[in-house]
Amino acid sequence: MHCFIRRNKSTSTFYLYLSLTQALTDKGKFLLAARRFRHGAHTEYIISYDSDDLYPGSNSGVGKLRSDFLGTKFVMYDNQKPYDGAKSLKSRSSRRFATKQISPHVSGDNLEVGQVSYRFNFLKSRGPRRMHCSIQCPVGQGTASDPSKEKPPSTSSSLSLKNKAPRWHDHLQCWCLNFHGRVTVASVKNFQLVAPAGTSDPWGVGDEETVILQFGKIEDDAFTMDFRHPLSAYQAFAICLTSFGTKLACE
């Protein structure tokens, strides 16, 4: 799926669109929006279906993303159970959403569906930030690598992702990743995520070559976001939101 994100720095808002053409950006079809809030030493992103309703407790809230005080670890929450059997989190951080005010059709529980962490770069080595993601993805019929071992759609499995290692370009004298023309501006925010080789996954993507999600800059406030199964648009968007913001200890 080819998408793009537009950022509004003045309002700390981000808008996700589905690309309708082969162009890097076009009019697009609006999918999701997010707004960044500061809560003491922490940062939260409220993610919504409605670009005009980006506040805690909104009627169109989809979920939220919460960071630690360093901005290097993020937890992704879903306001609705993404699969049967998902467990609700009962914690102080989720009480603000523990009412039916979110939507009459959405559970008031916060459900943890993923984590994203950035590794510290104490040696200040050059290259992209080093990321690790653990995302809960539903597993249904036809997604298992062995058709004889189909799993019911009510189960889930953890998808482990890491950023793809760049290669040194002798002519350009820099670290490079092949975005196949989908990224045009060099940025520390740019990344590609792959599943580590040898990991047991029901989606058959653990080969360190299949790019599950890639994100990169094309203009000052425009970025492409391309993702594939088993990630959802919400999960891919949330992962990309973690890339915004300065992370001095990781660069």
Protein backbone atom coordinates (compact mmCIF):
# COMPACT_ATOMS: atom_id res chain seq x y z
CA MET A 1 0.00 0.00 0.00
CA HIS A 2 1.45 3.36 -1.06
CA CYS A 3 0.58 6.23 1.28
CA PHE A 4 1.96 9.62 2.27
CA ILE A 5 1.99 11.75 5.41
CA ARG A 6 1.68 15.53 5.56
CA ARG A 7 2.91 17.36 8.66
CA ASN A 8 1.76 20.70 10.06
CA LYS A 9 4.49 21.89 12.42
CA SER A 10 2.53 24.85 13.77
CA THR A 11 -0.29 22.65 15.10
CA SER A 12 1.74 19.44 15.70
CA THR A 13 -0.64 17.51 13.48
CA PHE A 14 -0.04 14.73 10.96
CA TYR A 15 -2.33 13.51 8.17
CA LEU A 16 -2.19 10.12 6.47
CA TYR A 17 -3.45 9.72 2.89
CA LEU A 18 -3.73 6.76 0.55
CA SER A 19 -1.99 7.49 -2.77
CA LEU A 20 -4.38 7.32 -5.71
CA THR A 21 -1.72 7.59 -8.43
CA GLN A 22 1.93 6.62 -8.94
CA ALA A 23 3.03 10.14 -7.96
CA LEU A 24 4.81 10.56 -4.64
CA THR A 25 2.03 12.88 -3.49
CA ASP A 26 -1.35 13.60 -5.02
CA LYS A 27 -4.73 14.66 -3.68
CA GLY A 28 -4.96 11.29 -1.99
CA LYS A 29 -7.72 9.72 0.09
CA PHE A 30 -7.70 10.73 3.74
CA LEU A 31 -7.27 7.81 6.14
CA LEU A 32 -6.13 8.97 9.59
CA ALA A 33 -4.87 12.02 11.46
CA ALA A 34 -2.79 12.46 14.60
CA ARG A 35 -1.91 15.27 16.97
CA ARG A 36 1.00 15.44 19.38
CA PHE A 37 0.49 16.50 22.99
CA ARG A 38 2.95 17.02 25.82
CA HIS A 39 2.00 15.58 29.21
CA GLY A 40 4.74 16.48 31.64
CA ALA A 41 7.84 14.56 30.58
CA HIS A 42 5.90 12.35 28.18
CA THR A 43 4.58 12.80 24.66
CA GLU A 44 1.31 11.37 23.37
CA TYR A 45 -0.15 11.18 19.89
CA ILE A 46 -3.94 11.01 19.63
CA ILE A 47 -4.91 9.17 16.41
CA SER A 48 -8.35 9.71 14.92
CA TYR A 49 -10.56 9.07 11.88
CA ASP A 50 -11.60 12.74 12.00
CA SER A 51 -8.98 15.35 11.09
CA ASP A 52 -10.96 18.01 13.01
CA ASP A 53 -11.42 15.98 16.20
CA LEU A 54 -7.93 15.37 17.55
CA TYR A 55 -8.37 15.67 21.29
CA PRO A 56 -8.34 13.21 24.20
CA GLY A 57 -11.78 11.68 24.61
CA SER A 58 -12.83 12.47 21.04
CA ASN A 59 -15.75 10.57 19.52
CA SER A 60 -13.63 9.46 16.58
CA GLY A 61 -10.53 8.29 18.45
CA VAL A 62 -8.83 5.19 17.06
CA GLY A 63 -5.98 4.89 19.53
CA LYS A 64 -2.93 6.61 20.88
CA LEU A 65 0.85 6.42 20.97
CA ARG A 66 2.75 7.20 24.17
CA SER A 67 6.48 7.77 24.59
CA ASP A 68 8.83 7.72 27.55
CA PHE A 69 10.50 10.95 28.68
CA LEU A 70 13.51 10.39 26.37
CA GLY A 71 11.34 9.79 23.31
CA THR A 72 13.11 6.49 22.61
CA LYS A 73 10.43 4.00 23.69
CA PHE A 74 6.82 4.06 22.50
CA VAL A 75 3.74 2.02 23.33
CA MET A 76 0.89 1.76 20.84
CA TYR A 77 -2.69 1.46 22.12
CA ASP A 78 -5.86 0.57 20.26
CA ASN A 79 -9.26 1.77 21.49
CA GLN A 80 -10.95 -1.27 19.97
CA LYS A 81 -10.07 -4.95 20.18
CA PRO A 82 -8.22 -5.77 16.93
CA TYR A 83 -8.95 -9.50 17.42
CA ASP A 84 -10.92 -11.73 19.76
CA GLY A 85 -9.06 -12.52 22.94
CA ALA A 86 -7.07 -9.28 23.04
CA LYS A 87 -6.42 -8.19 26.62
CA SER A 88 -7.31 -4.78 27.98
CA LEU A 89 -4.76 -2.78 29.93
CA LYS A 90 -5.94 -1.42 33.26
CA SER A 91 -3.41 1.23 34.14
CA ARG A 92 -3.25 4.87 35.13
CA SER A 93 -2.16 5.81 31.63
CA SER A 94 -5.37 4.40 30.16
CA ARG A 95 -7.93 5.74 32.62
CA ARG A 96 -8.42 8.90 30.57
CA PHE A 97 -9.97 6.75 27.82
CA ALA A 98 -11.87 4.36 30.12
CA THR A 99 -15.32 5.74 29.25
CA LYS A 100 -17.85 5.36 26.47
CA GLN A 101 -17.08 8.95 25.39
CA ILE A 102 -14.69 7.65 22.73
CA SER A 103 -17.53 6.23 20.67
CA PRO A 104 -20.78 4.42 21.40
CA HIS A 105 -19.50 1.57 19.25
CA VAL A 106 -15.93 1.44 20.59
CA SER A 107 -14.74 -0.20 23.76
CA GLY A 108 -13.42 2.20 26.39
CA ASP A 109 -10.43 -0.06 27.05
CA ASN A 110 -6.90 0.68 25.94
CA LEU A 111 -5.32 -2.35 24.33
CA GLU A 112 -1.59 -2.53 23.84
CA VAL A 113 -0.92 -3.61 20.25
CA GLY A 114 2.73 -2.75 19.81
CA GLN A 115 5.98 -1.29 21.05
CA VAL A 116 8.72 0.65 19.26
CA SER A 117 12.17 1.32 20.71
CA TYR A 118 15.25 3.15 19.46
CA ARG A 119 18.71 1.99 20.42
CA PHE A 120 21.11 4.48 21.99
CA ASN A 121 24.04 5.52 19.80
CA PHE A 122 26.72 6.24 22.38
CA LEU A 123 29.55 5.96 19.84
CA LYS A 124 27.83 8.44 17.47
CA SER A 125 28.35 6.10 14.52
CA ARG A 126 26.94 7.33 11.23
CA GLY A 127 23.83 5.81 9.70
CA PRO A 128 20.08 5.69 10.33
CA ARG A 129 18.56 5.27 13.74
CA ARG A 130 18.40 1.68 14.93
CA MET A 131 14.84 0.61 15.64
CA HIS A 132 13.10 -2.47 17.00
CA CYS A 133 9.35 -3.06 16.86
CA SER A 134 7.13 -5.71 18.38
CA ILE A 135 3.64 -5.54 16.88
CA GLN A 136 0.62 -7.72 17.66
CA CYS A 137 -0.98 -8.84 14.40
CA PRO A 138 -4.04 -11.07 13.94
CA VAL A 139 -3.50 -14.47 12.34
CA GLY A 140 -6.33 -15.88 10.25
CA GLN A 141 -6.96 -18.63 7.75
CA GLY A 142 -4.66 -18.63 4.78
CA THR A 143 -1.92 -16.60 6.49
CA ALA A 144 -0.02 -19.53 7.92
CA SER A 145 3.05 -20.64 5.99
CA ASP A 146 1.82 -24.24 6.33
CA PRO A 147 -1.78 -24.50 5.01
CA SER A 148 -2.30 -27.69 7.02
CA LYS A 149 -1.77 -25.71 10.23
CA GLU A 150 -4.30 -22.97 9.82
CA LYS A 151 -5.00 -20.84 12.87
CA PRO A 152 -8.39 -19.40 13.72
CA PRO A 153 -8.74 -15.66 13.08
CA SER A 154 -9.21 -15.05 16.82
CA THR A 155 -5.52 -15.58 17.54
CA SER A 156 -2.64 -13.16 17.24
CA SER A 157 1.10 -13.36 16.96
CA SER A 158 3.89 -10.91 17.67
CA LEU A 159 5.63 -9.56 14.59
CA SER A 160 9.22 -8.55 15.30
CA LEU A 161 10.70 -5.88 13.03
CA LYS A 162 14.06 -4.12 12.84
CA ASN A 163 15.45 -1.45 10.55
CA LYS A 164 17.18 -2.72 7.45
CA ALA A 165 20.93 -2.15 7.54
CA PRO A 166 22.13 0.44 4.98
CA ARG A 167 25.05 -0.11 2.61
CA TRP A 168 28.03 2.18 2.21
CA HIS A 169 28.10 3.98 -1.15
CA ASP A 170 31.71 4.61 -2.17
CA HIS A 171 30.87 7.25 -4.78
CA LEU A 172 28.52 9.26 -2.56
CA GLN A 173 30.53 8.53 0.59
CA CYS A 174 27.44 7.90 2.68
CA TRP A 175 25.14 5.15 3.95
CA CYS A 176 22.32 4.38 1.53
CA LEU A 177 19.08 2.41 1.33
CA ASN A 178 17.25 1.60 -1.88
CA PHE A 179 13.78 3.15 -1.63
CA HIS A 180 13.11 2.50 -5.33
CA GLY A 181 12.44 6.17 -6.04
CA ARG A 182 9.89 6.57 -3.25
CA VAL A 183 12.16 8.79 -1.10
CA THR A 184 13.97 11.85 -2.46
CA VAL A 185 15.42 13.72 0.55
CA ALA A 186 18.14 12.38 2.83
CA SER A 187 17.01 12.36 6.47
CA VAL A 188 17.80 10.55 9.70
CA LYS A 189 14.06 9.87 9.90
CA ASN A 190 14.10 7.64 6.80
CA PHE A 191 13.89 3.91 7.49
CA GLN A 192 12.94 0.48 6.17
CA LEU A 193 11.69 -2.26 8.50
CA VAL A 194 12.20 -5.98 7.89
CA ALA A 195 11.58 -9.13 9.92
CA PRO A 196 14.79 -10.77 11.22
CA ALA A 197 15.82 -13.92 9.37
CA GLY A 198 15.16 -17.19 11.14
CA THR A 199 12.26 -15.91 13.18
CA SER A 200 9.18 -18.10 13.26
CA ASP A 201 6.27 -16.14 11.86
CA PRO A 202 2.95 -17.22 10.31
CA TRP A 203 3.20 -14.63 7.53
CA GLY A 204 6.34 -15.90 5.81
CA VAL A 205 8.15 -12.54 5.82
CA GLY A 206 11.14 -13.35 8.08
CA ASP A 207 13.92 -13.09 5.49
CA GLU A 208 15.50 -9.66 6.25
CA GLU A 209 14.83 -8.66 2.62
CA THR A 210 11.06 -8.24 2.43
CA VAL A 211 10.36 -4.64 3.45
CA ILE A 212 7.26 -4.55 5.64
CA LEU A 213 7.25 -0.79 6.14
CA GLN A 214 9.29 2.02 4.65
CA PHE A 215 9.13 5.70 5.49
CA GLY A 216 11.01 8.59 3.99
CA LYS A 217 11.12 12.31 3.30
CA ILE A 218 10.14 13.81 -0.05
CA GLU A 219 9.53 17.46 0.94
CA ASP A 220 10.01 19.58 4.03
CA ASP A 221 6.68 18.47 5.49
CA ALA A 222 5.76 15.48 3.30
CA PHE A 223 6.81 11.84 3.70
CA THR A 224 5.95 8.61 1.92
CA MET A 225 4.74 5.62 3.93
CA ASP A 226 4.56 2.24 2.17
CA PHE A 227 3.48 -0.88 4.05
CA ARG A 228 2.28 -4.42 3.49
CA HIS A 229 0.52 -7.28 5.26
CA PRO A 230 0.40 -8.09 8.15
CA LEU A 231 0.59 -4.45 9.32
CA SER A 232 -2.56 -2.35 9.34
CA ALA A 233 -2.64 1.29 8.25
CA TYR A 234 -3.07 2.31 11.90
CA GLN A 235 -0.03 0.33 13.06
CA ALA A 236 2.13 1.56 10.18
CA PHE A 237 1.09 5.17 10.83
CA ALA A 238 1.83 4.87 14.54
CA ILE A 239 5.29 3.42 13.87
CA CYS A 240 6.10 6.30 11.50
CA LEU A 241 4.94 8.87 14.07
CA THR A 242 7.69 7.64 16.41
CA SER A 243 10.27 8.86 13.90
CA PHE A 244 9.28 12.51 14.32
CA GLY A 245 11.06 14.46 16.97
CA THR A 246 14.71 14.80 17.95
CA LYS A 247 16.45 11.82 19.54
CA LEU A 248 19.91 13.11 20.38
CA ALA A 249 20.96 9.93 22.17
CA CYS A 250 20.09 7.81 19.12
CA GLU A 251 21.65 9.87 16.31
